Amino acid sequence: MNLESFSVLAEPDVQLLFLRGTVTSLELFIISAAVAYTLGALLVMLRMSGRISSAAVGVFVEYHRNVPSIVQIFVWYFGVSQVLPSAWHAWANDHLGAFFYAVVALSLNAAAYISEDLRSGMRAVSNGQMEAARALGLNFLKAMQLVMVPQAIRAAAPALVNQALSLLKTTSLAMAIGVGELMYVARQLDGETYATFAAYLTPTVIYLICTLTLMSVGSRLQRPAQVAR
């Protein structure tokens, strides 16, 4: 192994590139996670509200669970923008970049999995909870929002943490459409300096730090949930 290749990591410009790539990856993760968990909860409520909405959500979930994530990103970046009306397409080209389409694709993909995890958590909640909430005068949406979903989140906490870890790692696919995240920076550095091992070891270490930190946070958040049960 040529240790001299690691000298490139001591250059301030390279360090700045990796810092920017890390920030972009974290921005992708945070925004996509916020959208995905919100949408996942909404999908669960829609799935339980009626047959038509349940069928629509089922199609949404099956598509996102059975089509590779990279294909979904390409569909949004290269496909959806092309089928928009010409005026909307021009506006999208001027105002929306690859980062936006990556967030949309990642959010929708994660939301499909999160909704299924929440639905599993919902099954762990006694039906009597919903009946009691309705008896207190809450409508369906309020009962779901205030009673059922919070308990489902506690029951599904381990799976939801795993989805967060998966989403963080999946942000690396955004490099395929030119988003300047960690793997994009690593590939760029490899192409310019041929310091292949150093270029790809750096994001490996950064991803490890981020995922282990996220696991630690998730473990701490799960403790109150376990006590609450």
Protein backbone atom coordinates (compact mmCIF):
# COMPACT_ATOMS: atom_id res chain seq x y z
CA MET A 1 0.00 0.00 0.00
CA ASN A 2 1.38 3.38 -1.03
CA LEU A 3 1.13 5.57 2.06
CA GLU A 4 2.33 8.57 0.10
CA SER A 5 -1.12 8.81 -1.48
CA PHE A 6 -2.49 9.87 1.91
CA SER A 7 -0.45 13.08 1.73
CA VAL A 8 -3.14 14.52 -0.51
CA LEU A 9 -5.47 14.57 2.50
CA ALA A 10 -3.21 17.10 4.20
CA GLU A 11 -3.92 19.70 1.53
CA PRO A 12 -6.33 22.43 2.74
CA ASP A 13 -8.27 22.41 -0.54
CA VAL A 14 -8.92 18.68 -0.25
CA GLN A 15 -9.99 19.00 3.36
CA LEU A 16 -12.38 21.79 2.39
CA LEU A 17 -13.84 19.64 -0.37
CA PHE A 18 -14.53 16.79 2.05
CA LEU A 19 -15.98 19.21 4.58
CA ARG A 20 -18.38 20.58 1.98
CA GLY A 21 -19.23 17.06 0.85
CA THR A 22 -19.98 16.03 4.43
CA VAL A 23 -22.21 19.07 4.96
CA THR A 24 -24.08 18.33 1.72
CA SER A 25 -24.58 14.68 2.71
CA LEU A 26 -25.92 15.71 6.13
CA GLU A 27 -28.22 18.30 4.53
CA LEU A 28 -29.56 15.63 2.19
CA PHE A 29 -30.13 13.29 5.12
CA ILE A 30 -31.74 15.81 7.49
CA ILE A 31 -34.13 17.30 4.93
CA SER A 32 -35.05 13.92 3.44
CA ALA A 33 -35.56 12.39 6.89
CA ALA A 34 -37.84 15.24 8.02
CA VAL A 35 -39.98 14.84 4.90
CA ALA A 36 -39.91 11.03 4.96
CA TYR A 37 -40.99 10.58 8.58
CA THR A 38 -43.77 13.14 8.21
CA LEU A 39 -44.99 11.58 4.97
CA GLY A 40 -44.66 8.08 6.41
CA ALA A 41 -47.01 8.96 9.27
CA LEU A 42 -49.45 10.52 6.80
CA LEU A 43 -49.37 7.41 4.61
CA VAL A 44 -50.26 5.21 7.58
CA MET A 45 -53.26 7.37 8.40
CA LEU A 46 -54.39 7.32 4.76
CA ARG A 47 -53.97 3.56 4.59
CA MET A 48 -56.26 3.12 7.58
CA SER A 49 -58.88 5.66 6.51
CA GLY A 50 -60.54 3.78 3.65
CA ARG A 51 -60.23 1.19 0.88
CA ILE A 52 -59.46 3.58 -1.97
CA SER A 53 -56.78 5.49 -0.09
CA SER A 54 -55.39 2.21 1.25
CA ALA A 55 -55.08 0.83 -2.28
CA ALA A 56 -53.37 4.01 -3.50
CA VAL A 57 -50.89 3.93 -0.63
CA GLY A 58 -50.29 0.23 -1.28
CA VAL A 59 -49.31 0.97 -4.90
CA PHE A 60 -47.02 3.79 -3.73
CA VAL A 61 -45.33 1.54 -1.19
CA GLU A 62 -44.86 -1.39 -3.57
CA TYR A 63 -43.32 0.83 -6.24
CA HIS A 64 -40.77 2.35 -3.88
CA ARG A 65 -39.94 -0.95 -2.20
CA ASN A 66 -39.42 -2.90 -5.45
CA VAL A 67 -37.66 -0.38 -7.70
CA PRO A 68 -33.95 0.31 -6.95
CA SER A 69 -33.29 3.64 -5.29
CA ILE A 70 -30.89 4.75 -8.02
CA VAL A 71 -33.61 4.19 -10.63
CA GLN A 72 -36.03 6.31 -8.61
CA ILE A 73 -33.47 9.13 -8.47
CA PHE A 74 -32.98 8.93 -12.25
CA VAL A 75 -36.74 8.93 -12.83
CA TRP A 76 -37.12 12.19 -10.90
CA TYR A 77 -34.02 13.90 -12.26
CA PHE A 78 -34.17 12.82 -15.90
CA GLY A 79 -37.79 11.74 -16.31
CA VAL A 80 -40.28 13.78 -14.30
CA SER A 81 -38.79 17.12 -15.30
CA GLN A 82 -39.18 16.12 -18.97
CA VAL A 83 -42.90 15.41 -18.78
CA LEU A 84 -43.77 18.73 -17.16
CA PRO A 85 -45.47 21.39 -19.29
CA SER A 86 -42.91 23.50 -21.14
CA ALA A 87 -43.36 26.55 -18.87
CA TRP A 88 -42.96 24.42 -15.72
CA HIS A 89 -39.99 22.61 -17.27
CA ALA A 90 -38.23 25.92 -17.97
CA TRP A 91 -38.95 27.10 -14.43
CA ALA A 92 -37.66 23.83 -12.97
CA ASN A 93 -34.43 24.09 -14.97
CA ASP A 94 -33.89 27.63 -13.72
CA HIS A 95 -34.78 27.12 -10.04
CA LEU A 96 -34.52 23.43 -9.12
CA GLY A 97 -31.22 21.59 -9.11
CA ALA A 98 -30.03 18.04 -8.62
CA PHE A 99 -30.14 18.47 -4.85
CA PHE A 100 -33.91 19.08 -4.94
CA TYR A 101 -34.63 16.00 -7.07
CA ALA A 102 -32.37 13.88 -4.85
CA VAL A 103 -34.30 15.02 -1.77
CA VAL A 104 -37.63 14.20 -3.43
CA ALA A 105 -36.52 10.72 -4.52
CA LEU A 106 -34.85 9.86 -1.22
CA SER A 107 -37.78 11.17 0.82
CA LEU A 108 -40.42 9.23 -1.09
CA ASN A 109 -38.37 6.04 -1.02
CA ALA A 110 -37.75 6.25 2.73
CA ALA A 111 -41.38 7.23 3.43
CA ALA A 112 -42.59 3.98 1.86
CA TYR A 113 -40.47 1.88 4.23
CA ILE A 114 -41.23 4.08 7.23
CA SER A 115 -44.97 3.80 6.63
CA GLU A 116 -44.70 0.00 6.69
CA ASP A 117 -42.70 0.10 9.91
CA LEU A 118 -45.29 2.39 11.47
CA ARG A 119 -48.08 0.13 10.24
CA SER A 120 -46.37 -2.79 11.98
CA GLY A 121 -46.09 -0.65 15.10
CA MET A 122 -49.77 0.22 14.80
CA ARG A 123 -50.68 -3.46 14.89
CA ALA A 124 -48.92 -3.69 18.24
CA VAL A 125 -51.27 -1.06 19.68
CA SER A 126 -54.49 -2.38 21.18
CA ASN A 127 -57.68 -1.63 19.24
CA GLY A 128 -59.10 -0.48 22.54
CA GLN A 129 -56.88 2.60 22.32
CA MET A 130 -58.68 3.81 19.21
CA GLU A 131 -62.08 2.96 20.68
CA ALA A 132 -61.25 4.87 23.86
CA ALA A 133 -60.06 7.89 21.86
CA ARG A 134 -63.25 7.92 19.80
CA ALA A 135 -65.33 7.53 22.95
CA LEU A 136 -63.66 10.68 24.30
CA GLY A 137 -64.93 12.60 21.28
CA LEU A 138 -61.82 12.59 19.06
CA ASN A 139 -62.38 12.21 15.35
CA PHE A 140 -60.38 9.68 13.32
CA LEU A 141 -57.54 12.06 12.41
CA LYS A 142 -57.16 13.39 15.96
CA ALA A 143 -57.25 9.89 17.41
CA MET A 144 -54.55 8.80 14.99
CA GLN A 145 -52.43 11.91 15.58
CA LEU A 146 -52.67 12.04 19.38
CA VAL A 147 -53.15 8.41 20.41
CA MET A 148 -52.31 5.79 17.82
CA VAL A 149 -49.30 7.17 15.91
CA PRO A 150 -47.26 8.13 19.02
CA GLN A 151 -47.69 4.62 20.42
CA ALA A 152 -46.90 3.09 17.04
CA ILE A 153 -43.69 5.13 16.90
CA ARG A 154 -42.62 3.79 20.28
CA ALA A 155 -43.37 0.22 19.21
CA ALA A 156 -41.54 0.62 15.90
CA ALA A 157 -38.61 2.65 17.28
CA PRO A 158 -35.85 0.09 16.45
CA ALA A 159 -37.05 -0.27 12.86
CA LEU A 160 -37.37 3.50 12.46
CA VAL A 161 -33.78 3.97 13.62
CA ASN A 162 -32.67 1.39 11.06
CA GLN A 163 -34.51 3.34 8.36
CA ALA A 164 -32.64 6.48 9.39
CA LEU A 165 -29.34 4.62 9.05
CA SER A 166 -30.37 3.29 5.65
CA LEU A 167 -31.37 6.77 4.47
CA LEU A 168 -28.06 8.25 5.59
CA LYS A 169 -26.15 5.67 3.55
CA THR A 170 -28.47 5.97 0.55
CA THR A 171 -27.63 9.68 0.21
CA SER A 172 -24.40 8.49 -1.46
CA LEU A 173 -26.45 7.60 -4.55
CA ALA A 174 -27.06 11.30 -5.18
CA MET A 175 -23.57 11.50 -6.69
CA ALA A 176 -25.04 9.82 -9.80
CA ILE A 177 -26.87 13.04 -10.71
CA GLY A 178 -24.06 15.39 -9.76
CA VAL A 179 -24.90 16.31 -6.16
CA GLY A 180 -21.61 17.29 -4.48
CA GLU A 181 -21.89 14.97 -1.49
CA LEU A 182 -19.19 12.79 0.06
CA MET A 183 -18.94 10.10 -2.62
CA TYR A 184 -19.00 12.68 -5.39
CA VAL A 185 -16.01 14.40 -3.75
CA ALA A 186 -14.21 11.08 -3.32
CA ARG A 187 -14.70 10.15 -6.97
CA GLN A 188 -13.57 13.60 -8.06
CA LEU A 189 -10.43 13.38 -5.91
CA ASP A 190 -9.68 9.89 -7.21
CA GLY A 191 -9.96 11.06 -10.81
CA GLU A 192 -7.69 14.06 -10.27
CA THR A 193 -4.99 12.59 -8.03
CA TYR A 194 -5.26 8.78 -8.46
CA ALA A 195 -5.04 8.51 -4.66
CA THR A 196 -7.79 5.91 -4.81
CA PHE A 197 -7.43 4.32 -1.40
CA ALA A 198 -7.16 7.64 0.44
CA ALA A 199 -10.04 9.10 -1.56
CA TYR A 200 -12.48 6.33 -0.65
CA LEU A 201 -11.20 5.58 2.84
CA THR A 202 -12.05 9.12 3.94
CA PRO A 203 -15.81 8.90 3.27
CA THR A 204 -15.75 5.40 4.76
CA VAL A 205 -14.50 6.79 8.06
CA ILE A 206 -16.90 9.75 7.92
CA TYR A 207 -19.89 7.49 7.24
CA LEU A 208 -18.84 5.23 10.12
CA ILE A 209 -18.68 8.19 12.50
CA CYS A 210 -22.07 9.47 11.35
CA THR A 211 -23.83 6.09 11.50
CA LEU A 212 -22.37 5.19 14.89
CA THR A 213 -23.43 8.59 16.22
CA LEU A 214 -26.92 8.08 14.83
CA MET A 215 -27.10 4.62 16.39
CA SER A 216 -26.08 6.08 19.75
CA VAL A 217 -28.75 8.79 19.51
CA GLY A 218 -31.34 6.23 18.47
CA SER A 219 -30.42 3.99 21.40
CA ARG A 220 -30.89 6.88 23.82
CA LEU A 221 -34.25 7.77 22.28
CA GLN A 222 -35.44 4.18 22.56
CA ARG A 223 -34.85 3.99 26.33
CA PRO A 224 -37.82 6.24 27.26
CA ALA A 225 -39.94 4.26 24.80
CA GLN A 226 -39.04 1.00 26.50
CA VAL A 227 -39.79 2.50 29.93
CA ALA A 228 -43.13 3.80 28.64
CA ARG A 229 -44.19 0.30 27.63
